């Protein structure tokens, strides 16, 4: 399921907060966030694996970005569940 994120991750600037990157992230997320088995922590693990982020001590520059993406995905999921959308 998390392969839907590949279209976002293949773009060299995926880790920036550029509006086009944000759009690509949310477009990819929209394909999976309503799936009953969606889990933002599993999405985080998938992204870390795809981008070879192995450090867990914060020393890798992309860790913060991946954590932020996971937080955003979790917020979207929670919103959809609460509103019934």
Protein backbone atom coordinates (compact mmCIF):
# COMPACT_ATOMS: atom_id res chain seq x y z
CA UNK A 1 0.00 0.00 0.00
CA UNK A 2 2.74 2.47 0.92
CA UNK A 3 4.16 2.17 -2.59
CA UNK A 4 1.73 5.00 -3.37
CA UNK A 5 4.35 7.26 -1.75
CA UNK A 6 6.91 6.35 -4.41
CA UNK A 7 5.63 8.98 -6.84
CA UNK A 8 6.34 11.59 -4.17
CA UNK A 9 9.66 10.10 -3.04
CA UNK A 10 11.13 9.80 -6.54
CA UNK A 11 11.29 13.58 -6.88
CA UNK A 12 14.69 14.87 -5.82
CA UNK A 13 13.19 17.65 -3.71
CA UNK A 14 10.77 15.40 -1.77
CA UNK A 15 12.27 16.53 1.53
CA UNK A 16 11.64 20.25 1.00
CA UNK A 17 8.58 22.15 2.04
CA UNK A 18 8.13 23.56 -1.44
CA UNK A 19 4.43 23.84 -2.32
CA UNK A 20 4.81 21.38 -5.21
CA UNK A 21 6.41 18.82 -2.91
CA UNK A 22 3.61 19.34 -0.38
CA UNK A 23 1.08 18.82 -3.16
CA UNK A 24 2.80 15.62 -4.29
CA UNK A 25 2.87 14.33 -0.72
CA UNK A 26 -0.82 14.96 -0.10
CA UNK A 27 -1.76 13.55 -3.50
CA UNK A 28 0.12 10.33 -2.70
CA UNK A 29 -1.30 10.27 0.82
CA UNK A 30 -4.85 10.60 -0.51
CA UNK A 31 -4.42 7.24 -2.26
CA UNK A 32 -3.79 5.37 0.98
CA UNK A 33 -4.95 7.32 4.03
CA UNK A 34 -8.49 5.91 3.93
CA UNK A 35 -7.32 2.30 3.70
CA UNK A 36 -8.41 0.43 6.84
CA UNK A 37 -4.87 -0.79 7.50
CA UNK A 38 -3.18 2.59 7.02
CA UNK A 39 -0.77 3.45 9.81
CA UNK A 40 1.37 6.58 9.77
CA UNK A 41 4.16 4.80 11.67
CA UNK A 42 4.26 2.11 8.99
CA UNK A 43 4.34 4.84 6.34
CA UNK A 44 7.28 6.41 8.21
CA UNK A 45 9.11 3.07 8.21
CA UNK A 46 8.43 2.65 4.50
CA UNK A 47 9.84 6.09 3.67
CA UNK A 48 12.88 5.51 5.87
CA UNK A 49 13.52 2.22 4.09
CA UNK A 50 13.02 3.69 0.60
CA UNK A 51 15.40 6.57 1.34
CA UNK A 52 17.95 4.46 3.25
CA UNK A 53 17.55 6.43 6.46
CA UNK A 54 19.02 4.09 9.04
CA UNK A 55 19.94 6.38 11.91
CA UNK A 56 17.51 6.64 14.81
CA UNK A 57 19.43 9.21 16.81
CA UNK A 58 18.46 12.27 14.78
CA UNK A 59 21.84 12.57 13.08
CA UNK A 60 20.43 11.95 9.61
CA UNK A 61 19.08 15.19 8.16
CA UNK A 62 15.98 13.58 6.68
CA UNK A 63 14.73 12.03 9.93
CA UNK A 64 13.00 15.23 10.99
CA UNK A 65 11.33 15.55 7.60
CA UNK A 66 10.07 11.97 7.69
CA UNK A 67 8.74 12.48 11.21
CA UNK A 68 6.90 15.61 10.05
CA UNK A 69 5.37 13.74 7.11
CA UNK A 70 4.21 11.01 9.45
CA UNK A 71 2.67 13.57 11.79
CA UNK A 72 0.83 15.20 8.88
CA UNK A 73 -0.45 11.81 7.71
CA UNK A 74 -1.62 10.98 11.21
CA UNK A 75 -3.49 14.29 11.47
CA UNK A 76 -5.21 13.73 8.12
CA UNK A 77 -6.19 10.20 9.13
CA UNK A 78 -7.57 11.39 12.46
CA UNK A 79 -9.52 14.19 10.78
CA UNK A 80 -11.08 11.77 8.30
CA UNK A 81 -12.03 9.36 11.06
CA UNK A 82 -13.56 12.05 13.25
CA UNK A 83 -15.53 13.66 10.45
CA UNK A 84 -16.56 10.37 8.88
CA UNK A 85 -15.17 11.34 5.50
